[in-house]
All heavy atoms as atom14 arrays in JSON, in Angstrom:
{
  "sequence": "DAAIQRAQDAGATVMMPASDCFWGDRYGVIVDPFGHIWSFATHLKDM",
  "atom14_mask": [
    [1, 1, 1, 1, 1, 1, 1, 1, 0, 0, 0, 0, 0, 0],
    [1, 1, 1, 1, 1, 0, 0, 0, 0, 0, 0, 0, 0, 0],
    [1, 1, 1, 1, 1, 0, 0, 0, 0, 0, 0, 0, 0, 0],
    [1, 1, 1, 1, 1, 1, 1, 1, 0, 0, 0, 0, 0, 0],
    [1, 1, 1, 1, 1, 1, 1, 1, 1, 0, 0, 0, 0, 0],
    [1, 1, 1, 1, 1, 1, 1, 1, 1, 1, 1, 0, 0, 0],
    [1, 1, 1, 1, 1, 0, 0, 0, 0, 0, 0, 0, 0, 0],
    [1, 1, 1, 1, 1, 1, 1, 1, 1, 0, 0, 0, 0, 0],
    [1, 1, 1, 1, 1, 1, 1, 1, 0, 0, 0, 0, 0, 0],
    [1, 1, 1, 1, 1, 0, 0, 0, 0, 0, 0, 0, 0, 0],
    [1, 1, 1, 1, 0, 0, 0, 0, 0, 0, 0, 0, 0, 0],
    [1, 1, 1, 1, 1, 0, 0, 0, 0, 0, 0, 0, 0, 0],
    [1, 1, 1, 1, 1, 1, 1, 0, 0, 0, 0, 0, 0, 0],
    [1, 1, 1, 1, 1, 1, 1, 0, 0, 0, 0, 0, 0, 0],
    [1, 1, 1, 1, 1, 1, 1, 1, 0, 0, 0, 0, 0, 0],
    [1, 1, 1, 1, 1, 1, 1, 1, 0, 0, 0, 0, 0, 0],
    [1, 1, 1, 1, 1, 1, 1, 0, 0, 0, 0, 0, 0, 0],
    [1, 1, 1, 1, 1, 0, 0, 0, 0, 0, 0, 0, 0, 0],
    [1, 1, 1, 1, 1, 1, 0, 0, 0, 0, 0, 0, 0, 0],
    [1, 1, 1, 1, 1, 1, 1, 1, 0, 0, 0, 0, 0, 0],
    [1, 1, 1, 1, 1, 1, 0, 0, 0, 0, 0, 0, 0, 0],
    [1, 1, 1, 1, 1, 1, 1, 1, 1, 1, 1, 0, 0, 0],
    [1, 1, 1, 1, 1, 1, 1, 1, 1, 1, 1, 1, 1, 1],
    [1, 1, 1, 1, 0, 0, 0, 0, 0, 0, 0, 0, 0, 0],
    [1, 1, 1, 1, 1, 1, 1, 1, 0, 0, 0, 0, 0, 0],
    [1, 1, 1, 1, 1, 1, 1, 1, 1, 1, 1, 0, 0, 0],
    [1, 1, 1, 1, 1, 1, 1, 1, 1, 1, 1, 1, 0, 0],
    [1, 1, 1, 1, 0, 0, 0, 0, 0, 0, 0, 0, 0, 0],
    [1, 1, 1, 1, 1, 1, 1, 0, 0, 0, 0, 0, 0, 0],
    [1, 1, 1, 1, 1, 1, 1, 1, 0, 0, 0, 0, 0, 0],
    [1, 1, 1, 1, 1, 1, 1, 0, 0, 0, 0, 0, 0, 0],
    [1, 1, 1, 1, 1, 1, 1, 1, 0, 0, 0, 0, 0, 0],
    [1, 1, 1, 1, 1, 1, 1, 0, 0, 0, 0, 0, 0, 0],
    [1, 1, 1, 1, 1, 1, 1, 1, 1, 1, 1, 0, 0, 0],
    [1, 1, 1, 1, 0, 0, 0, 0, 0, 0, 0, 0, 0, 0],
    [1, 1, 1, 1, 1, 1, 1, 1, 1, 1, 0, 0, 0, 0],
    [1, 1, 1, 1, 1, 1, 1, 1, 0, 0, 0, 0, 0, 0],
    [1, 1, 1, 1, 1, 1, 1, 1, 1, 1, 1, 1, 1, 1],
    [1, 1, 1, 1, 1, 1, 0, 0, 0, 0, 0, 0, 0, 0],
    [1, 1, 1, 1, 1, 1, 1, 1, 1, 1, 1, 0, 0, 0],
    [1, 1, 1, 1, 1, 0, 0, 0, 0, 0, 0, 0, 0, 0],
    [1, 1, 1, 1, 1, 1, 1, 0, 0, 0, 0, 0, 0, 0],
    [1, 1, 1, 1, 1, 1, 1, 1, 1, 1, 0, 0, 0, 0],
    [1, 1, 1, 1, 1, 1, 1, 1, 0, 0, 0, 0, 0, 0],
    [1, 1, 1, 1, 1, 1, 1, 1, 1, 0, 0, 0, 0, 0],
    [1, 1, 1, 1, 1, 1, 1, 1, 0, 0, 0, 0, 0, 0],
    [1, 1, 1, 1, 1, 1, 1, 1, 0, 0, 0, 0, 0, 0]
  ],
  "atom14_positions": [
    [[-9.73, 9.13, -1.4], [-9.19, 10.48, -1.12], [-8.74, 10.6, 0.33], [-7.66, 11.14, 0.6], [-10.25, 11.54, -1.43], [-10.59, 11.58, -2.91], [-11.45, 10.77, -3.33], [-10.0, 12.39, -3.63], [0.0, 0.0, 0.0], [0.0, 0.0, 0.0], [0.0, 0.0, 0.0], [0.0, 0.0, 0.0], [0.0, 0.0, 0.0], [0.0, 0.0, 0.0]],
    [[-9.55, 10.09, 1.25], [-9.2, 10.17, 2.67], [-7.97, 9.32, 2.97], [-7.11, 9.73, 3.76], [-10.38, 9.72, 3.53], [0.0, 0.0, 0.0], [0.0, 0.0, 0.0], [0.0, 0.0, 0.0], [0.0, 0.0, 0.0], [0.0, 0.0, 0.0], [0.0, 0.0, 0.0], [0.0, 0.0, 0.0], [0.0, 0.0, 0.0], [0.0, 0.0, 0.0]],
    [[-7.85, 8.15, 2.35], [-6.69, 7.29, 2.58], [-5.41, 7.97, 2.1], [-4.37, 7.93, 2.78], [-6.88, 5.95, 1.88], [0.0, 0.0, 0.0], [0.0, 0.0, 0.0], [0.0, 0.0, 0.0], [0.0, 0.0, 0.0], [0.0, 0.0, 0.0], [0.0, 0.0, 0.0], [0.0, 0.0, 0.0], [0.0, 0.0, 0.0], [0.0, 0.0, 0.0]],
    [[-5.48, 8.6, 0.95], [-4.3, 9.29, 0.41], [-3.95, 10.49, 1.28], [-2.78, 10.73, 1.58], [-4.54, 9.68, -1.06], [-4.53, 8.41, -1.91], [-3.49, 10.68, -1.55], [-4.98, 8.61, -3.34], [0.0, 0.0, 0.0], [0.0, 0.0, 0.0], [0.0, 0.0, 0.0], [0.0, 0.0, 0.0], [0.0, 0.0, 0.0], [0.0, 0.0, 0.0]],
    [[-4.95, 11.23, 1.72], [-4.69, 12.39, 2.58], [-4.07, 11.95, 3.9], [-3.12, 12.58, 4.39], [-5.98, 13.17, 2.84], [-5.76, 14.46, 3.6], [-4.89, 15.44, 2.84], [-5.21, 15.79, 1.7], [-3.78, 15.89, 3.43], [0.0, 0.0, 0.0], [0.0, 0.0, 0.0], [0.0, 0.0, 0.0], [0.0, 0.0, 0.0], [0.0, 0.0, 0.0]],
    [[-4.56, 10.87, 4.48], [-4.01, 10.36, 5.75], [-2.54, 9.97, 5.57], [-1.7, 10.29, 6.4], [-4.83, 9.16, 6.23], [-4.33, 8.57, 7.52], [-5.2, 7.42, 7.98], [-4.72, 6.88, 9.24], [-5.32, 5.95, 9.92], [-6.47, 5.45, 9.5], [-4.82, 5.52, 11.05], [0.0, 0.0, 0.0], [0.0, 0.0, 0.0], [0.0, 0.0, 0.0]],
    [[-2.24, 9.29, 4.46], [-0.86, 8.9, 4.19], [0.02, 10.13, 3.98], [1.15, 10.21, 4.5], [-0.8, 7.98, 2.97], [0.0, 0.0, 0.0], [0.0, 0.0, 0.0], [0.0, 0.0, 0.0], [0.0, 0.0, 0.0], [0.0, 0.0, 0.0], [0.0, 0.0, 0.0], [0.0, 0.0, 0.0], [0.0, 0.0, 0.0], [0.0, 0.0, 0.0]],
    [[-0.49, 11.11, 3.25], [0.27, 12.34, 3.02], [0.51, 13.08, 4.34], [1.61, 13.55, 4.61], [-0.47, 13.24, 2.03], [0.31, 14.48, 1.65], [-0.41, 15.31, 0.6], [-1.63, 15.26, 0.46], [0.35, 16.08, -0.15], [0.0, 0.0, 0.0], [0.0, 0.0, 0.0], [0.0, 0.0, 0.0], [0.0, 0.0, 0.0], [0.0, 0.0, 0.0]],
    [[-0.5, 13.15, 5.18], [-0.35, 13.81, 6.48], [0.69, 13.11, 7.35], [1.35, 13.75, 8.17], [-1.69, 13.85, 7.22], [-2.71, 14.78, 6.58], [-2.33, 15.59, 5.7], [-3.9, 14.68, 6.95], [0.0, 0.0, 0.0], [0.0, 0.0, 0.0], [0.0, 0.0, 0.0], [0.0, 0.0, 0.0], [0.0, 0.0, 0.0], [0.0, 0.0, 0.0]],
    [[0.85, 11.8, 7.16], [1.84, 11.03, 7.94], [3.24, 11.11, 7.35], [4.19, 10.65, 7.97], [1.4, 9.57, 8.03], [0.0, 0.0, 0.0], [0.0, 0.0, 0.0], [0.0, 0.0, 0.0], [0.0, 0.0, 0.0], [0.0, 0.0, 0.0], [0.0, 0.0, 0.0], [0.0, 0.0, 0.0], [0.0, 0.0, 0.0], [0.0, 0.0, 0.0]],
    [[3.38, 11.7, 6.15], [4.71, 11.88, 5.57], [4.93, 11.25, 4.21], [6.03, 11.3, 3.67], [0.0, 0.0, 0.0], [0.0, 0.0, 0.0], [0.0, 0.0, 0.0], [0.0, 0.0, 0.0], [0.0, 0.0, 0.0], [0.0, 0.0, 0.0], [0.0, 0.0, 0.0], [0.0, 0.0, 0.0], [0.0, 0.0, 0.0], [0.0, 0.0, 0.0]],
    [[3.87, 10.68, 3.6], [3.99, 10.11, 2.26], [3.98, 11.21, 1.21], [3.51, 12.32, 1.46], [2.85, 9.13, 2.0], [0.0, 0.0, 0.0], [0.0, 0.0, 0.0], [0.0, 0.0, 0.0], [0.0, 0.0, 0.0], [0.0, 0.0, 0.0], [0.0, 0.0, 0.0], [0.0, 0.0, 0.0], [0.0, 0.0, 0.0], [0.0, 0.0, 0.0]],
    [[4.48, 10.89, 0.03], [4.46, 11.8, -1.11], [3.42, 11.29, -2.1], [3.43, 10.11, -2.46], [5.84, 11.84, -1.79], [6.8, 12.27, -0.83], [5.85, 12.78, -2.98], [0.0, 0.0, 0.0], [0.0, 0.0, 0.0], [0.0, 0.0, 0.0], [0.0, 0.0, 0.0], [0.0, 0.0, 0.0], [0.0, 0.0, 0.0], [0.0, 0.0, 0.0]],
    [[2.55, 12.17, -2.55], [1.54, 11.78, -3.52], [2.17, 11.74, -4.91], [2.73, 12.73, -5.38], [0.33, 12.75, -3.51], [-0.68, 12.39, -4.58], [-0.32, 12.75, -2.13], [0.0, 0.0, 0.0], [0.0, 0.0, 0.0], [0.0, 0.0, 0.0], [0.0, 0.0, 0.0], [0.0, 0.0, 0.0], [0.0, 0.0, 0.0], [0.0, 0.0, 0.0]],
    [[2.12, 10.58, -5.55], [2.61, 10.42, -6.92], [1.5, 10.73, -7.92], [1.76, 11.29, -8.98], [3.06, 8.97, -7.19], [4.42, 8.63, -6.7], [4.86, 6.9, -7.08], [4.74, 6.82, -8.85], [0.0, 0.0, 0.0], [0.0, 0.0, 0.0], [0.0, 0.0, 0.0], [0.0, 0.0, 0.0], [0.0, 0.0, 0.0], [0.0, 0.0, 0.0]],
    [[0.29, 10.3, -7.58], [-0.86, 10.51, -8.44], [-2.05, 10.8, -7.55], [-2.49, 9.94, -6.8], [-1.14, 9.24, -9.27], [-2.36, 9.33, -10.14], [-2.66, 7.74, -10.96], [-4.32, 8.01, -11.54], [0.0, 0.0, 0.0], [0.0, 0.0, 0.0], [0.0, 0.0, 0.0], [0.0, 0.0, 0.0], [0.0, 0.0, 0.0], [0.0, 0.0, 0.0]],
    [[-2.57, 12.03, -7.61], [-3.76, 12.34, -6.81], [-4.93, 11.45, -7.22], [-4.99, 10.97, -8.36], [-4.05, 13.8, -7.16], [-2.8, 14.33, -7.77], [-2.12, 13.16, -8.41], [0.0, 0.0, 0.0], [0.0, 0.0, 0.0], [0.0, 0.0, 0.0], [0.0, 0.0, 0.0], [0.0, 0.0, 0.0], [0.0, 0.0, 0.0], [0.0, 0.0, 0.0]],
    [[-5.85, 11.25, -6.33], [-7.01, 10.43, -6.62], [-7.81, 11.03, -7.77], [-8.0, 12.24, -7.83], [-7.89, 10.29, -5.38], [0.0, 0.0, 0.0], [0.0, 0.0, 0.0], [0.0, 0.0, 0.0], [0.0, 0.0, 0.0], [0.0, 0.0, 0.0], [0.0, 0.0, 0.0], [0.0, 0.0, 0.0], [0.0, 0.0, 0.0], [0.0, 0.0, 0.0]],
    [[-8.24, 10.15, -8.66], [-9.1, 10.58, -9.76], [-9.98, 9.4, -10.17], [-9.65, 8.25, -9.9], [-8.28, 11.09, -10.95], [-7.49, 10.05, -11.49], [0.0, 0.0, 0.0], [0.0, 0.0, 0.0], [0.0, 0.0, 0.0], [0.0, 0.0, 0.0], [0.0, 0.0, 0.0], [0.0, 0.0, 0.0], [0.0, 0.0, 0.0], [0.0, 0.0, 0.0]],
    [[-11.09, 9.72, -10.83], [-11.98, 8.68, -11.34], [-11.36, 8.12, -12.61], [-11.03, 8.88, -13.53], [-13.37, 9.25, -11.62], [-14.09, 9.69, -10.36], [-13.63, 9.34, -9.24], [-15.11, 10.39, -10.48], [0.0, 0.0, 0.0], [0.0, 0.0, 0.0], [0.0, 0.0, 0.0], [0.0, 0.0, 0.0], [0.0, 0.0, 0.0], [0.0, 0.0, 0.0]],
    [[-11.15, 6.81, -12.64], [-10.43, 6.18, -13.74], [-11.35, 5.36, -14.63], [-12.43, 4.93, -14.2], [-9.31, 5.31, -13.18], [-8.05, 6.3, -12.35], [0.0, 0.0, 0.0], [0.0, 0.0, 0.0], [0.0, 0.0, 0.0], [0.0, 0.0, 0.0], [0.0, 0.0, 0.0], [0.0, 0.0, 0.0], [0.0, 0.0, 0.0], [0.0, 0.0, 0.0]],
    [[-10.9, 5.13, -15.85], [-11.74, 4.49, -16.86], [-12.19, 3.08, -16.5], [-13.19, 2.59, -17.01], [-11.03, 4.47, -18.23], [-9.82, 3.57, -18.3], [-9.96, 2.21, -18.53], [-8.55, 4.1, -18.15], [-8.84, 1.39, -18.6], [-7.44, 3.29, -18.22], [-7.58, 1.92, -18.45], [0.0, 0.0, 0.0], [0.0, 0.0, 0.0], [0.0, 0.0, 0.0]],
    [[-11.52, 2.41, -15.59], [-11.9, 1.04, -15.23], [-12.94, 0.96, -14.12], [-13.3, -0.11, -13.66], [-10.67, 0.2, -14.88], [-9.85, 0.75, -13.74], [-10.06, 0.54, -12.39], [-8.71, 1.59, -13.83], [-9.11, 1.2, -11.65], [-8.27, 1.86, -12.51], [-8.0, 2.16, -14.89], [-7.16, 2.66, -12.24], [-6.9, 2.95, -14.6], [-6.49, 3.2, -13.29]],
    [[-13.4, 2.13, -13.65], [-14.49, 2.15, -12.69], [-14.09, 2.38, -11.25], [-14.92, 2.27, -10.35], [0.0, 0.0, 0.0], [0.0, 0.0, 0.0], [0.0, 0.0, 0.0], [0.0, 0.0, 0.0], [0.0, 0.0, 0.0], [0.0, 0.0, 0.0], [0.0, 0.0, 0.0], [0.0, 0.0, 0.0], [0.0, 0.0, 0.0], [0.0, 0.0, 0.0]],
    [[-12.83, 2.7, -11.01], [-12.34, 2.97, -9.65], [-11.92, 4.43, -9.53], [-11.48, 5.05, -10.49], [-11.1, 2.13, -9.32], [-11.39, 0.66, -9.12], [-12.57, 0.28, -9.07], [-10.42, -0.12, -9.02], [0.0, 0.0, 0.0], [0.0, 0.0, 0.0], [0.0, 0.0, 0.0], [0.0, 0.0, 0.0], [0.0, 0.0, 0.0], [0.0, 0.0, 0.0]],
    [[-12.03, 4.96, -8.32], [-11.33, 6.19, -7.96], [-10.0, 5.71, -7.44], [-9.94, 4.83, -6.57], [-12.11, 6.98, -6.9], [-11.44, 8.32, -6.61], [-12.43, 9.35, -6.13], [-11.79, 10.62, -5.86], [-11.54, 11.56, -6.77], [-11.89, 11.37, -8.03], [-10.96, 12.69, -6.45], [0.0, 0.0, 0.0], [0.0, 0.0, 0.0], [0.0, 0.0, 0.0]],
    [[-8.9, 6.24, -7.96], [-7.59, 5.63, -7.78], [-6.52, 6.7, -7.61], [-6.57, 7.74, -8.26], [-7.29, 4.78, -9.02], [-5.94, 4.14, -9.1], [-5.7, 2.9, -8.53], [-4.9, 4.76, -9.79], [-4.46, 2.29, -8.63], [-3.66, 4.16, -9.89], [-3.44, 2.92, -9.31], [-2.21, 2.32, -9.41], [0.0, 0.0, 0.0], [0.0, 0.0, 0.0]],
    [[-5.55, 6.44, -6.72], [-4.42, 7.34, -6.53], [-3.24, 6.57, -5.97], [-3.38, 5.43, -5.5], [0.0, 0.0, 0.0], [0.0, 0.0, 0.0], [0.0, 0.0, 0.0], [0.0, 0.0, 0.0], [0.0, 0.0, 0.0], [0.0, 0.0, 0.0], [0.0, 0.0, 0.0], [0.0, 0.0, 0.0], [0.0, 0.0, 0.0], [0.0, 0.0, 0.0]],
    [[-2.06, 7.21, -6.0], [-0.81, 6.52, -5.64], [0.05, 7.42, -4.76], [0.17, 8.62, -5.01], [-0.02, 6.15, -6.92], [1.27, 5.42, -6.57], [-0.87, 5.32, -7.87], [0.0, 0.0, 0.0], [0.0, 0.0, 0.0], [0.0, 0.0, 0.0], [0.0, 0.0, 0.0], [0.0, 0.0, 0.0], [0.0, 0.0, 0.0], [0.0, 0.0, 0.0]],
    [[0.67, 6.8, -3.74], [1.62, 7.51, -2.87], [2.92, 6.71, -2.79], [2.95, 5.51, -3.07], [1.06, 7.75, -1.45], [0.75, 6.43, -0.7], [-0.2, 8.59, -1.5], [1.78, 6.04, 0.31], [0.0, 0.0, 0.0], [0.0, 0.0, 0.0], [0.0, 0.0, 0.0], [0.0, 0.0, 0.0], [0.0, 0.0, 0.0], [0.0, 0.0, 0.0]],
    [[3.99, 7.41, -2.39], [5.25, 6.75, -2.05], [5.48, 7.01, -0.57], [5.41, 8.16, -0.11], [6.44, 7.33, -2.85], [7.74, 6.65, -2.46], [6.2, 7.21, -4.34], [0.0, 0.0, 0.0], [0.0, 0.0, 0.0], [0.0, 0.0, 0.0], [0.0, 0.0, 0.0], [0.0, 0.0, 0.0], [0.0, 0.0, 0.0], [0.0, 0.0, 0.0]],
    [[5.74, 5.94, 0.17], [5.98, 6.13, 1.6], [7.43, 6.6, 1.83], [8.24, 6.58, 0.9], [5.6, 4.87, 2.39], [6.54, 3.69, 2.24], [7.76, 3.88, 1.99], [6.06, 2.55, 2.39], [0.0, 0.0, 0.0], [0.0, 0.0, 0.0], [0.0, 0.0, 0.0], [0.0, 0.0, 0.0], [0.0, 0.0, 0.0], [0.0, 0.0, 0.0]],
    [[7.75, 7.06, 3.04], [9.1, 7.57, 3.3], [10.21, 6.52, 3.16], [11.39, 6.86, 3.19], [9.02, 8.07, 4.75], [7.58, 8.31, 5.0], [6.85, 7.29, 4.17], [0.0, 0.0, 0.0], [0.0, 0.0, 0.0], [0.0, 0.0, 0.0], [0.0, 0.0, 0.0], [0.0, 0.0, 0.0], [0.0, 0.0, 0.0], [0.0, 0.0, 0.0]],
    [[9.84, 5.26, 2.97], [10.81, 4.18, 2.87], [10.96, 3.7, 1.43], [11.63, 2.71, 1.16], [10.41, 3.04, 3.82], [10.18, 3.58, 5.21], [8.92, 3.97, 5.62], [11.26, 3.81, 6.07], [8.73, 4.54, 6.87], [11.06, 4.39, 7.32], [9.79, 4.75, 7.71], [0.0, 0.0, 0.0], [0.0, 0.0, 0.0], [0.0, 0.0, 0.0]],
    [[10.32, 4.42, 0.49], [10.46, 4.15, -0.93], [9.46, 3.16, -1.51], [9.52, 2.86, -2.69], [0.0, 0.0, 0.0], [0.0, 0.0, 0.0], [0.0, 0.0, 0.0], [0.0, 0.0, 0.0], [0.0, 0.0, 0.0], [0.0, 0.0, 0.0], [0.0, 0.0, 0.0], [0.0, 0.0, 0.0], [0.0, 0.0, 0.0], [0.0, 0.0, 0.0]],
    [[8.53, 2.67, -0.7], [7.54, 1.72, -1.2], [6.34, 2.47, -1.77], [5.93, 3.51, -1.24], [7.11, 0.75, -0.1], [8.24, -0.08, 0.41], [8.78, -1.11, -0.32], [8.97, 0.01, 1.53], [9.78, -1.64, 0.35], [9.92, -0.98, 1.48], [0.0, 0.0, 0.0], [0.0, 0.0, 0.0], [0.0, 0.0, 0.0], [0.0, 0.0, 0.0]],
    [[5.79, 1.95, -2.85], [4.68, 2.58, -3.56], [3.38, 1.87, -3.19], [3.3, 0.65, -3.23], [4.9, 2.54, -5.08], [6.22, 3.23, -5.44], [3.74, 3.19, -5.81], [6.63, 3.05, -6.89], [0.0, 0.0, 0.0], [0.0, 0.0, 0.0], [0.0, 0.0, 0.0], [0.0, 0.0, 0.0], [0.0, 0.0, 0.0], [0.0, 0.0, 0.0]],
    [[2.39, 2.68, -2.84], [1.07, 2.17, -2.45], [0.02, 2.81, -3.34], [0.01, 4.03, -3.51], [0.77, 2.54, -1.0], [1.73, 1.97, -0.01], [3.01, 2.4, 0.25], [1.52, 0.86, 0.86], [3.59, 1.63, 1.23], [2.69, 0.67, 1.62], [0.44, 0.01, 1.07], [2.81, -0.34, 2.57], [0.55, -0.99, 2.02], [1.73, -1.16, 2.76]],
    [[-0.86, 2.01, -3.88], [-2.0, 2.56, -4.62], [-3.27, 2.27, -3.83], [-3.38, 1.26, -3.16], [-2.08, 1.95, -6.03], [-2.21, 0.55, -6.0], [0.0, 0.0, 0.0], [0.0, 0.0, 0.0], [0.0, 0.0, 0.0], [0.0, 0.0, 0.0], [0.0, 0.0, 0.0], [0.0, 0.0, 0.0], [0.0, 0.0, 0.0], [0.0, 0.0, 0.0]],
    [[-4.19, 3.22, -3.91], [-5.46, 3.12, -3.2], [-6.59, 3.27, -4.2], [-6.48, 4.06, -5.14], [-5.59, 4.21, -2.13], [-4.6, 4.07, -1.03], [-3.39, 4.72, -1.08], [-4.87, 3.25, 0.05], [-2.46, 4.57, -0.08], [-3.94, 3.1, 1.07], [-2.73, 3.76, 1.0], [0.0, 0.0, 0.0], [0.0, 0.0, 0.0], [0.0, 0.0, 0.0]],
    [[-7.66, 2.53, -3.99], [-8.8, 2.64, -4.88], [-10.09, 2.45, -4.11], [-10.14, 1.72, -3.12], [-8.71, 1.6, -5.99], [0.0, 0.0, 0.0], [0.0, 0.0, 0.0], [0.0, 0.0, 0.0], [0.0, 0.0, 0.0], [0.0, 0.0, 0.0], [0.0, 0.0, 0.0], [0.0, 0.0, 0.0], [0.0, 0.0, 0.0], [0.0, 0.0, 0.0]],
    [[-11.11, 3.13, -4.58], [-12.48, 2.93, -4.14], [-13.26, 2.56, -5.39], [-13.24, 3.31, -6.38], [-13.06, 4.21, -3.5], [-12.25, 4.56, -2.38], [-14.5, 4.0, -3.06], [0.0, 0.0, 0.0], [0.0, 0.0, 0.0], [0.0, 0.0, 0.0], [0.0, 0.0, 0.0], [0.0, 0.0, 0.0], [0.0, 0.0, 0.0], [0.0, 0.0, 0.0]],
    [[-13.88, 1.4, -5.37], [-14.62, 0.94, -6.55], [-15.91, 1.72, -6.69], [-16.7, 1.81, -5.75], [-14.91, -0.56, -6.44], [-15.45, -1.16, -7.67], [-14.72, -1.2, -8.85], [-16.65, -1.71, -7.95], [-15.45, -1.77, -9.79], [-16.63, -2.09, -9.27], [0.0, 0.0, 0.0], [0.0, 0.0, 0.0], [0.0, 0.0, 0.0], [0.0, 0.0, 0.0]],
    [[-16.1, 2.33, -7.86], [-17.26, 3.18, -8.1], [-18.31, 2.54, -9.0], [-19.5, 2.8, -8.87], [-16.83, 4.5, -8.74], [-15.82, 5.34, -7.98], [-15.4, 6.54, -8.81], [-16.4, 5.78, -6.64], [0.0, 0.0, 0.0], [0.0, 0.0, 0.0], [0.0, 0.0, 0.0], [0.0, 0.0, 0.0], [0.0, 0.0, 0.0], [0.0, 0.0, 0.0]],
    [[-17.84, 1.7, -9.95], [-18.75, 1.23, -10.99], [-18.29, -0.13, -11.5], [-17.12, -0.31, -11.85], [-18.71, 2.26, -12.13], [-19.54, 1.95, -13.33], [-19.36, 3.08, -14.35], [-20.06, 2.75, -15.64], [-19.81, 3.78, -16.66], [0.0, 0.0, 0.0], [0.0, 0.0, 0.0], [0.0, 0.0, 0.0], [0.0, 0.0, 0.0], [0.0, 0.0, 0.0]],
    [[-19.2, -1.09, -11.53], [-18.91, -2.4, -12.12], [-18.93, -2.26, -13.64], [-19.86, -1.66, -14.2], [-19.94, -3.44, -11.69], [-19.84, -3.78, -10.21], [-18.74, -3.68, -9.64], [-20.88, -4.14, -9.63], [0.0, 0.0, 0.0], [0.0, 0.0, 0.0], [0.0, 0.0, 0.0], [0.0, 0.0, 0.0], [0.0, 0.0, 0.0], [0.0, 0.0, 0.0]],
    [[-17.9, -2.8, -14.28], [-17.81, -2.72, -15.73], [-17.36, -4.07, -16.29], [-16.55, -4.76, -15.66], [-16.81, -1.64, -16.15], [-17.18, -0.25, -15.69], [-15.9, 0.97, -16.06], [-16.04, 1.1, -17.83], [0.0, 0.0, 0.0], [0.0, 0.0, 0.0], [0.0, 0.0, 0.0], [0.0, 0.0, 0.0], [0.0, 0.0, 0.0], [0.0, 0.0, 0.0]]
  ]
}
C-alpha cells in the first residue's frame, strides 16, 4: 500500500488498488508517467 501511494504521489496512475489476493499476496498495479506498468506485492501467506 505504501509503495503504491508513494508512486501515486510521484505522478503514477493506479490501475489496480492494493488488495489481498487469492495466491497469498497483497497486490496492486500502477502505470508510470512513461507508460510502463509496475506491480507491487507484499507476501502475506505461504500457499
